[in-house]
Protein backbone atom coordinates (compact mmCIF):
# COMPACT_ATOMS: atom_id res chain seq x y z
CA UNK A 1 6.31 13.67 -7.91
CA UNK A 2 9.18 16.14 -7.31
CA UNK A 3 12.76 14.90 -8.65
CA UNK A 4 16.26 16.54 -6.79
CA UNK A 5 18.94 16.03 -9.11
CA UNK A 6 22.74 15.80 -7.02
CA UNK A 7 25.97 15.45 -7.76
CA UNK A 8 27.41 18.19 -9.98
CA UNK A 9 30.37 19.99 -9.61
CA UNK A 10 34.26 21.50 -10.61
CA UNK A 11 36.15 18.76 -12.61
CA UNK A 12 39.49 18.35 -14.73
CA UNK A 13 39.62 16.69 -17.81
CA UNK A 14 39.61 12.79 -17.25
CA UNK A 15 37.74 13.10 -13.79
CA UNK A 16 34.41 11.11 -12.82
CA UNK A 17 31.33 12.50 -11.78
CA UNK A 18 28.50 10.64 -10.05
CA UNK A 19 25.24 12.09 -10.34
CA UNK A 20 21.50 11.31 -8.31
CA UNK A 21 18.14 11.50 -8.86
CA UNK A 22 15.63 10.94 -6.56
CA UNK A 23 12.18 11.23 -6.23
CA UNK A 24 10.96 12.74 -3.14
CA UNK A 25 6.33 13.59 -2.65
CA UNK A 26 6.09 10.59 -4.65
CA UNK A 27 7.63 8.18 -6.05
CA UNK A 28 9.33 6.66 -9.90
CA UNK A 29 9.82 3.05 -9.47
CA UNK A 30 8.12 2.23 -11.95
CA UNK A 31 8.86 4.38 -14.23
CA UNK A 32 11.28 4.88 -17.18
CA UNK A 33 14.01 8.01 -16.31
CA UNK A 34 16.23 10.06 -18.45
CA UNK A 35 18.77 12.29 -18.14
CA UNK A 36 19.22 15.50 -20.69
CA UNK A 37 21.78 18.32 -20.46
CA UNK A 38 21.44 21.47 -21.46
CA UNK A 39 25.01 23.47 -22.20
CA UNK A 40 25.26 27.54 -22.40
CA UNK A 41 23.62 28.55 -25.64
CA UNK A 42 22.68 25.01 -26.45
CA UNK A 43 19.34 23.05 -26.76
CA UNK A 44 18.38 20.57 -23.75
CA UNK A 45 19.97 16.99 -25.71
CA UNK A 46 18.88 13.52 -24.28
CA UNK A 47 22.02 11.72 -22.42
CA UNK A 48 20.21 8.48 -20.92
CA UNK A 49 17.78 6.66 -20.04
CA UNK A 50 16.55 3.17 -18.33
CA UNK A 51 13.86 1.74 -17.51
CA UNK A 52 11.54 0.99 -14.91
CA UNK A 53 13.46 -2.36 -13.74
CA UNK A 54 16.69 -1.36 -14.71
CA UNK A 55 17.18 -4.22 -17.05
CA UNK A 56 17.40 -1.48 -19.98
CA UNK A 57 19.54 1.04 -20.94
CA UNK A 58 19.35 4.18 -23.69
CA UNK A 59 22.74 6.00 -24.61
CA UNK A 60 22.66 8.87 -27.17
CA UNK A 61 25.67 8.96 -29.07
CA UNK A 62 27.60 11.39 -27.43
CA UNK A 63 28.53 9.49 -23.99
CA UNK A 64 27.92 5.57 -24.95
CA UNK A 65 30.63 4.11 -23.40
CA UNK A 66 31.70 7.16 -20.90
CA UNK A 67 28.92 7.13 -18.81
CA UNK A 68 26.63 4.54 -17.69
CA UNK A 69 23.22 5.23 -16.44
CA UNK A 70 21.52 2.92 -13.33
CA UNK A 71 18.93 3.01 -10.76
CA UNK A 72 18.02 1.55 -6.91
CA UNK A 73 13.94 1.14 -6.63
CA UNK A 74 14.75 -1.75 -3.46
CA UNK A 75 16.52 0.28 -1.35
CA UNK A 76 16.85 4.56 -2.10
CA UNK A 77 13.91 5.17 -5.46
CA UNK A 78 17.84 6.97 -6.61
CA UNK A 79 18.53 6.61 -10.33
CA UNK A 80 22.40 7.15 -11.46
CA UNK A 81 24.36 8.70 -14.47
CA UNK A 82 28.35 7.52 -13.51
CA UNK A 83 29.97 9.58 -16.15
CA UNK A 84 33.61 8.75 -16.79
CA UNK A 85 36.90 10.81 -18.84
CA UNK A 86 34.86 14.19 -18.67
CA UNK A 87 35.64 16.47 -21.62
CA UNK A 88 34.89 20.47 -21.48
CA UNK A 89 32.23 19.31 -23.95
CA UNK A 90 30.70 17.41 -20.86
CA UNK A 91 30.40 20.82 -19.26
CA UNK A 92 26.39 21.43 -18.91
CA UNK A 93 23.52 21.53 -16.25
CA UNK A 94 22.42 17.98 -15.70
CA UNK A 95 18.61 17.13 -15.13
CA UNK A 96 16.25 13.72 -14.94
CA UNK A 97 13.01 13.31 -15.99
CA UNK A 98 10.72 10.61 -15.37
CA UNK A 99 8.41 9.62 -18.11
CA UNK A 100 5.08 10.48 -18.73
CA UNK A 101 4.08 7.11 -19.66
CA UNK A 102 5.10 3.49 -17.56
CA UNK A 103 4.78 2.18 -20.85
CA UNK A 104 7.67 3.92 -21.78
CA UNK A 105 10.62 0.78 -21.24
CA UNK A 106 7.73 -1.54 -20.99
CA UNK A 107 5.53 -1.66 -24.05
CA UNK A 108 7.46 0.98 -25.35
CA UNK A 109 11.26 1.82 -26.64
CA UNK A 110 12.79 4.05 -23.97
CA UNK A 111 12.76 8.19 -25.35
CA UNK A 112 15.32 10.82 -25.96
CA UNK A 113 12.51 13.07 -26.61
CA UNK A 114 11.98 15.79 -24.00
CA UNK A 115 8.07 15.77 -24.27
CA UNK A 116 7.02 12.41 -23.75
CA UNK A 117 8.56 13.07 -20.12
CA UNK A 118 7.34 14.87 -17.51
CA UNK A 119 8.12 15.75 -14.11
CA UNK A 120 11.99 17.39 -14.47
CA UNK A 121 14.21 18.04 -11.93
CA UNK A 122 15.61 21.18 -10.80
CA UNK A 123 18.79 20.33 -12.18
CA UNK A 124 22.76 20.40 -11.23
CA UNK A 125 26.00 22.34 -12.83
CA UNK A 126 28.46 20.00 -14.11
CA UNK A 127 31.90 22.01 -15.06
CA UNK A 128 34.54 20.40 -16.22
CA UNK A 129 37.81 22.24 -16.79
CA UNK A 130 40.90 21.69 -19.51
C-alpha cells in the first residue's frame, strides 16, 4: 500500500485547509487511518485518527474542535483532514498513516502511537503565517 498525502500549502492565520490521503497500489478502506504532524525540531505527534467505517474518530486535545477527520471509502478511498482556524503553531509537515492492525478502531481503540501504524505517506507541508 502506498499513501499519498496532499493539500498542504501556505495559509494565513485563521484560514482553512483540507488535506487528503489517498491509497494507491492497494487500499486502506478496511483499516483505521491516522494523521500526524512534525514541526521543525520537534517529534512527530498525533493529530487525529478515524476507524475503518468512519464511525469512530479520535483527536489530539490540541486540535479538538478545530480539525475534523473524515473518509470516503465508497468513491475515492480517501481520508480527509479539514483544518479550520489555523494558527502559526499548526505549521508542520502532515503525514497520514494506515493502522498496522485491522482491529484498530474495530476491536481495539484508535491509537495515537506511531508504532501502531505501518504504511506512511510522504507528508505535505502546511505553513500558517501570522
